[in-house]
């Protein structure tokens, strides 16, 4: 074998090796950090008025978030995509509809960390609940199991400085409660629950 043939063969083998390595890298990219994946909302129900929201939910609570834990994982039909859920435990500060003060309510929400360490961020409903914070929540009971779910982005208000902060402050359903003092807003909602 001549020196020229040796170098041509070496270059061809090296190029083939780089090509195979690049192809494998494209199919299985190396990540040193977990990624964040964002999703859009597709609500089952949206409400036209605050009265309709109050009437159609299964429960309304003023509650403090006390703990969060990983929940189930939902898979796509082909099994390639996974969406983790988390379960947030709340202590009811004021039971407004179908709950009593001191009750616990467990709210399941989409989002969390999957088995590969990727964080799925779904902030269309107000994002992650902050432990220790208090929320006014409008929830429905899931068809099976003990968990509830936040009805949509209209069904969550965070207490900040004694006032309610809506996820969607300009929405016609949430605007009547957004910015109001908690005590006043809760009294208004309780009155509407009694009227139903």
C-alpha atoms as a PDB file:
ATOM      1  CA  UNK A   1       0.000   0.000   0.000  1.00  0.00           C
ATOM      2  CA  UNK A   2       1.387   3.360  -0.945  1.00  0.00           C
ATOM      3  CA  UNK A   3       1.529   6.328   1.366  1.00  0.00           C
ATOM      4  CA  UNK A   4      -1.001   8.192  -0.826  1.00  0.00           C
ATOM      5  CA  UNK A   5      -3.495   5.287  -0.654  1.00  0.00           C
ATOM      6  CA  UNK A   6      -3.044   5.098   3.140  1.00  0.00           C
ATOM      7  CA  UNK A   7      -3.883   8.805   3.637  1.00  0.00           C
ATOM      8  CA  UNK A   8      -6.873   8.689   1.282  1.00  0.00           C
ATOM      9  CA  UNK A   9      -8.229   5.639   3.148  1.00  0.00           C
ATOM     10  CA  UNK A  10      -7.666   7.340   6.523  1.00  0.00           C
ATOM     11  CA  UNK A  11      -9.489  10.493   5.392  1.00  0.00           C
ATOM     12  CA  UNK A  12     -12.432   8.467   4.032  1.00  0.00           C
ATOM     13  CA  UNK A  13     -12.741   6.495   7.311  1.00  0.00           C
ATOM     14  CA  UNK A  14     -12.537   9.730   9.338  1.00  0.00           C
ATOM     15  CA  UNK A  15     -15.231  11.411   7.204  1.00  0.00           C
ATOM     16  CA  UNK A  16     -17.501   8.375   7.520  1.00  0.00           C
ATOM     17  CA  UNK A  17     -17.009   8.393  11.281  1.00  0.00           C
ATOM     18  CA  UNK A  18     -17.859  12.106  11.516  1.00  0.00           C
ATOM     19  CA  UNK A  19     -20.949  11.600   9.330  1.00  0.00           C
ATOM     20  CA  UNK A  20     -22.242   8.746  11.495  1.00  0.00           C
ATOM     21  CA  UNK A  21     -21.503  10.723  14.671  1.00  0.00           C
ATOM     22  CA  UNK A  22     -23.380  13.770  13.336  1.00  0.00           C
ATOM     23  CA  UNK A  23     -26.363  11.627  12.324  1.00  0.00           C
ATOM     24  CA  UNK A  24     -26.558  10.066  15.805  1.00  0.00           C
ATOM     25  CA  UNK A  25     -26.213  13.505  17.384  1.00  0.00           C
ATOM     26  CA  UNK A  26     -29.167  14.813  15.382  1.00  0.00           C
ATOM     27  CA  UNK A  27     -31.390  11.921  16.488  1.00  0.00           C
ATOM     28  CA  UNK A  28     -30.284  12.010  20.138  1.00  0.00           C
ATOM     29  CA  UNK A  29     -29.007  15.489  20.985  1.00  0.00           C
ATOM     30  CA  UNK A  30     -26.847  15.712  24.069  1.00  0.00           C
ATOM     31  CA  UNK A  31     -28.285  18.093  26.610  1.00  0.00           C
ATOM     32  CA  UNK A  32     -26.448  19.128  29.688  1.00  0.00           C
ATOM     33  CA  UNK A  33     -29.499  20.946  31.067  1.00  0.00           C
ATOM     34  CA  UNK A  34     -33.145  19.867  31.113  1.00  0.00           C
ATOM     35  CA  UNK A  35     -35.290  21.840  28.711  1.00  0.00           C
ATOM     36  CA  UNK A  36     -38.450  23.806  29.355  1.00  0.00           C
ATOM     37  CA  UNK A  37     -41.364  23.020  27.082  1.00  0.00           C
ATOM     38  CA  UNK A  38     -44.260  25.456  26.808  1.00  0.00           C
ATOM     39  CA  UNK A  39     -47.814  24.553  25.817  1.00  0.00           C
ATOM     40  CA  UNK A  40     -50.934  26.458  24.849  1.00  0.00           C
ATOM     41  CA  UNK A  41     -54.329  26.205  26.528  1.00  0.00           C
ATOM     42  CA  UNK A  42     -57.422  24.508  25.179  1.00  0.00           C
ATOM     43  CA  UNK A  43     -60.155  25.037  27.745  1.00  0.00           C
ATOM     44  CA  UNK A  44     -63.118  22.702  27.901  1.00  0.00           C
ATOM     45  CA  UNK A  45     -65.348  25.512  29.178  1.00  0.00           C
ATOM     46  CA  UNK A  46     -65.239  29.283  29.149  1.00  0.00           C
ATOM     47  CA  UNK A  47     -67.848  31.368  30.916  1.00  0.00           C
ATOM     48  CA  UNK A  48     -69.639  34.484  29.708  1.00  0.00           C
ATOM     49  CA  UNK A  49     -70.455  36.025  33.102  1.00  0.00           C
ATOM     50  CA  UNK A  50     -69.243  35.880  36.683  1.00  0.00           C
ATOM     51  CA  UNK A  51     -72.674  34.558  37.702  1.00  0.00           C
ATOM     52  CA  UNK A  52     -72.350  31.680  35.222  1.00  0.00           C
ATOM     53  CA  UNK A  53     -68.890  30.833  36.591  1.00  0.00           C
ATOM     54  CA  UNK A  54     -70.199  30.766  40.164  1.00  0.00           C
ATOM     55  CA  UNK A  55     -73.221  28.657  39.224  1.00  0.00           C
ATOM     56  CA  UNK A  56     -71.465  26.013  37.118  1.00  0.00           C
ATOM     57  CA  UNK A  57     -68.433  25.160  39.262  1.00  0.00           C
ATOM     58  CA  UNK A  58     -68.461  22.385  41.875  1.00  0.00           C
ATOM     59  CA  UNK A  59     -66.550  24.333  44.478  1.00  0.00           C
ATOM     60  CA  UNK A  60     -65.266  27.785  45.391  1.00  0.00           C
ATOM     61  CA  UNK A  61     -62.593  28.251  48.037  1.00  0.00           C
ATOM     62  CA  UNK A  62     -60.296  30.830  49.482  1.00  0.00           C
ATOM     63  CA  UNK A  63     -57.363  28.533  50.189  1.00  0.00           C
ATOM     64  CA  UNK A  64     -53.662  28.481  50.968  1.00  0.00           C
ATOM     65  CA  UNK A  65     -51.284  26.352  48.888  1.00  0.00           C
ATOM     66  CA  UNK A  66     -49.402  24.099  51.292  1.00  0.00           C
ATOM     67  CA  UNK A  67     -47.698  21.394  49.194  1.00  0.00           C
ATOM     68  CA  UNK A  68     -47.150  20.164  45.632  1.00  0.00           C
ATOM     69  CA  UNK A  69     -46.208  16.699  44.453  1.00  0.00           C
ATOM     70  CA  UNK A  70     -45.798  14.948  41.096  1.00  0.00           C
ATOM     71  CA  UNK A  71     -48.970  13.394  39.737  1.00  0.00           C
ATOM     72  CA  UNK A  72     -49.864  11.189  36.802  1.00  0.00           C
ATOM     73  CA  UNK A  73     -48.311  11.368  33.345  1.00  0.00           C
ATOM     74  CA  UNK A  74     -50.537  11.532  30.245  1.00  0.00           C
ATOM     75  CA  UNK A  75     -49.176  10.039  27.015  1.00  0.00           C
ATOM     76  CA  UNK A  76     -50.102  10.771  23.414  1.00  0.00           C
ATOM     77  CA  UNK A  77     -51.828   8.068  21.351  1.00  0.00           C
ATOM     78  CA  UNK A  78     -48.511   6.963  19.852  1.00  0.00           C
ATOM     79  CA  UNK A  79     -46.751   7.110  23.230  1.00  0.00           C
ATOM     80  CA  UNK A  80     -44.043   9.473  22.012  1.00  0.00           C
ATOM     81  CA  UNK A  81     -45.193  12.587  23.870  1.00  0.00           C
ATOM     82  CA  UNK A  82     -45.726  12.788  27.618  1.00  0.00           C
ATOM     83  CA  UNK A  83     -47.313  15.493  29.748  1.00  0.00           C
ATOM     84  CA  UNK A  84     -46.730  15.291  33.496  1.00  0.00           C
ATOM     85  CA  UNK A  85     -49.228  16.601  36.026  1.00  0.00           C
ATOM     86  CA  UNK A  86     -48.781  17.828  39.566  1.00  0.00           C
ATOM     87  CA  UNK A  87     -51.159  17.735  42.520  1.00  0.00           C
ATOM     88  CA  UNK A  88     -51.299  20.834  44.721  1.00  0.00           C
ATOM     89  CA  UNK A  89     -52.679  20.545  48.230  1.00  0.00           C
ATOM     90  CA  UNK A  90     -54.638  23.504  49.606  1.00  0.00           C
ATOM     91  CA  UNK A  91     -55.924  24.246  53.105  1.00  0.00           C
ATOM     92  CA  UNK A  92     -59.306  25.968  52.908  1.00  0.00           C
ATOM     93  CA  UNK A  93     -59.250  29.342  54.675  1.00  0.00           C
ATOM     94  CA  UNK A  94     -62.869  30.115  53.743  1.00  0.00           C
ATOM     95  CA  UNK A  95     -65.194  27.532  52.189  1.00  0.00           C
ATOM     96  CA  UNK A  96     -67.481  29.486  49.879  1.00  0.00           C
ATOM     97  CA  UNK A  97     -69.231  26.719  47.917  1.00  0.00           C
ATOM     98  CA  UNK A  98     -69.287  23.015  48.891  1.00  0.00           C
ATOM     99  CA  UNK A  99     -66.258  23.258  51.199  1.00  0.00           C
ATOM    100  CA  UNK A 100     -65.793  24.153  54.858  1.00  0.00           C
ATOM    101  CA  UNK A 101     -63.041  26.143  56.498  1.00  0.00           C
ATOM    102  CA  UNK A 102     -60.196  23.771  57.415  1.00  0.00           C
ATOM    103  CA  UNK A 103     -60.941  21.269  54.628  1.00  0.00           C
ATOM    104  CA  UNK A 104     -58.233  20.091  52.292  1.00  0.00           C
ATOM    105  CA  UNK A 105     -58.658  20.297  48.538  1.00  0.00           C
ATOM    106  CA  UNK A 106     -56.303  18.679  46.057  1.00  0.00           C
ATOM    107  CA  UNK A 107     -56.046  20.425  42.688  1.00  0.00           C
ATOM    108  CA  UNK A 108     -54.440  18.615  39.760  1.00  0.00           C
ATOM    109  CA  UNK A 109     -52.885  20.791  37.092  1.00  0.00           C
ATOM    110  CA  UNK A 110     -50.923  20.090  33.914  1.00  0.00           C
ATOM    111  CA  UNK A 111     -47.228  20.779  34.102  1.00  0.00           C
ATOM    112  CA  UNK A 112     -44.249  19.597  36.063  1.00  0.00           C
ATOM    113  CA  UNK A 113     -41.119  17.591  35.448  1.00  0.00           C
ATOM    114  CA  UNK A 114     -41.158  14.467  33.283  1.00  0.00           C
ATOM    115  CA  UNK A 115     -39.082  11.317  33.755  1.00  0.00           C
ATOM    116  CA  UNK A 116     -36.264  12.759  31.618  1.00  0.00           C
ATOM    117  CA  UNK A 117     -35.962  15.864  33.798  1.00  0.00           C
ATOM    118  CA  UNK A 118     -37.625  18.226  31.310  1.00  0.00           C
ATOM    119  CA  UNK A 119     -39.813  20.882  32.899  1.00  0.00           C
ATOM    120  CA  UNK A 120     -43.210  21.343  31.227  1.00  0.00           C
ATOM    121  CA  UNK A 121     -44.331  24.928  31.840  1.00  0.00           C
ATOM    122  CA  UNK A 122     -48.007  25.705  31.398  1.00  0.00           C
ATOM    123  CA  UNK A 123     -48.505  29.254  32.581  1.00  0.00           C
ATOM    124  CA  UNK A 124     -51.773  29.980  30.772  1.00  0.00           C
ATOM    125  CA  UNK A 125     -53.705  29.133  33.957  1.00  0.00           C
ATOM    126  CA  UNK A 126     -51.588  31.383  36.163  1.00  0.00           C
ATOM    127  CA  UNK A 127     -48.513  29.172  36.281  1.00  0.00           C
ATOM    128  CA  UNK A 128     -47.179  27.274  39.264  1.00  0.00           C
ATOM    129  CA  UNK A 129     -48.868  27.849  42.597  1.00  0.00           C
ATOM    130  CA  UNK A 130     -46.570  29.470  45.144  1.00  0.00           C
ATOM    131  CA  UNK A 131     -46.537  27.559  48.415  1.00  0.00           C
ATOM    132  CA  UNK A 132     -47.798  29.663  51.309  1.00  0.00           C
ATOM    133  CA  UNK A 133     -49.799  32.007  49.068  1.00  0.00           C
ATOM    134  CA  UNK A 134     -53.585  32.265  49.226  1.00  0.00           C
ATOM    135  CA  UNK A 135     -55.869  31.926  46.205  1.00  0.00           C
ATOM    136  CA  UNK A 136     -59.536  32.283  45.373  1.00  0.00           C
ATOM    137  CA  UNK A 137     -60.220  29.181  43.257  1.00  0.00           C
ATOM    138  CA  UNK A 138     -63.185  28.053  41.198  1.00  0.00           C
ATOM    139  CA  UNK A 139     -62.876  24.291  40.757  1.00  0.00           C
ATOM    140  CA  UNK A 140     -64.634  21.266  39.330  1.00  0.00           C
ATOM    141  CA  UNK A 141     -64.354  17.702  40.552  1.00  0.00           C
ATOM    142  CA  UNK A 142     -62.708  15.250  38.207  1.00  0.00           C
ATOM    143  CA  UNK A 143     -64.932  12.472  36.888  1.00  0.00           C
ATOM    144  CA  UNK A 144     -62.915   9.816  38.680  1.00  0.00           C
ATOM    145  CA  UNK A 145     -60.708  10.166  41.717  1.00  0.00           C
ATOM    146  CA  UNK A 146     -60.492  12.604  44.601  1.00  0.00           C
ATOM    147  CA  UNK A 147     -58.952  15.530  42.719  1.00  0.00           C
ATOM    148  CA  UNK A 148     -60.352  18.818  41.502  1.00  0.00           C
ATOM    149  CA  UNK A 149     -59.152  21.017  38.660  1.00  0.00           C
ATOM    150  CA  UNK A 150     -59.119  24.762  38.146  1.00  0.00           C
ATOM    151  CA  UNK A 151     -61.876  25.347  35.583  1.00  0.00           C
ATOM    152  CA  UNK A 152     -59.815  27.666  33.351  1.00  0.00           C
ATOM    153  CA  UNK A 153     -57.853  30.920  33.518  1.00  0.00           C
ATOM    154  CA  UNK A 154     -61.038  32.654  34.756  1.00  0.00           C
ATOM    155  CA  UNK A 155     -61.077  30.465  37.877  1.00  0.00           C
ATOM    156  CA  UNK A 156     -57.976  31.658  39.708  1.00  0.00           C
ATOM    157  CA  UNK A 157     -57.190  34.779  41.685  1.00  0.00           C
ATOM    158  CA  UNK A 158     -54.087  35.262  43.820  1.00  0.00           C
ATOM    159  CA  UNK A 159     -54.283  37.288  47.011  1.00  0.00           C
ATOM    160  CA  UNK A 160     -51.741  40.108  46.910  1.00  0.00           C
ATOM    161  CA  UNK A 161     -51.701  42.835  49.537  1.00  0.00           C
ATOM    162  CA  UNK A 162     -55.239  42.003  50.648  1.00  0.00           C
ATOM    163  CA  UNK A 163     -56.663  42.270  47.112  1.00  0.00           C
ATOM    164  CA  UNK A 164     -57.461  39.753  44.385  1.00  0.00           C
ATOM    165  CA  UNK A 165     -55.273  39.543  41.302  1.00  0.00           C
ATOM    166  CA  UNK A 166     -56.858  37.716  38.340  1.00  0.00           C
ATOM    167  CA  UNK A 167     -54.889  35.681  35.815  1.00  0.00           C
ATOM    168  CA  UNK A 168     -56.819  37.543  33.095  1.00  0.00           C
ATOM    169  CA  UNK A 169     -57.636  40.958  34.639  1.00  0.00           C
ATOM    170  CA  UNK A 170     -59.363  42.329  31.510  1.00  0.00           C
ATOM    171  CA  UNK A 171     -61.651  39.338  31.008  1.00  0.00           C
ATOM    172  CA  UNK A 172     -65.325  40.280  31.423  1.00  0.00           C
ATOM    173  CA  UNK A 173     -65.823  37.388  33.874  1.00  0.00           C
ATOM    174  CA  UNK A 174     -62.851  38.166  36.128  1.00  0.00           C
ATOM    175  CA  UNK A 175     -62.863  41.985  35.932  1.00  0.00           C
ATOM    176  CA  UNK A 176     -65.631  42.395  38.553  1.00  0.00           C
ATOM    177  CA  UNK A 177     -63.449  40.602  41.157  1.00  0.00           C
ATOM    178  CA  UNK A 178     -59.976  41.711  40.058  1.00  0.00           C
ATOM    179  CA  UNK A 179     -58.462  44.336  42.350  1.00  0.00           C
ATOM    180  CA  UNK A 180     -61.190  44.070  44.978  1.00  0.00           C
ATOM    181  CA  UNK A 181     -60.430  43.589  48.658  1.00  0.00           C
ATOM    182  CA  UNK A 182     -60.576  39.899  49.556  1.00  0.00           C
ATOM    183  CA  UNK A 183     -63.230  40.247  52.272  1.00  0.00           C
ATOM    184  CA  UNK A 184     -65.510  42.278  50.007  1.00  0.00           C
ATOM    185  CA  UNK A 185     -65.056  39.954  47.017  1.00  0.00           C
ATOM    186  CA  UNK A 186     -65.673  36.800  49.084  1.00  0.00           C
ATOM    187  CA  UNK A 187     -68.840  38.324  50.560  1.00  0.00           C
ATOM    188  CA  UNK A 188     -70.077  39.139  47.045  1.00  0.00           C
ATOM    189  CA  UNK A 189     -69.403  35.601  45.803  1.00  0.00           C
ATOM    190  CA  UNK A 190     -71.079  34.063  48.886  1.00  0.00           C
ATOM    191  CA  UNK A 191     -74.160  36.185  48.267  1.00  0.00           C
ATOM    192  CA  UNK A 192     -74.334  35.020  44.650  1.00  0.00           C
ATOM    193  CA  UNK A 193     -73.941  31.369  45.765  1.00  0.00           C
ATOM    194  CA  UNK A 194     -76.961  31.811  48.065  1.00  0.00           C
ATOM    195  CA  UNK A 195     -79.002  33.280  45.201  1.00  0.00           C
ATOM    196  CA  UNK A 196     -78.426  30.251  42.949  1.00  0.00           C
END
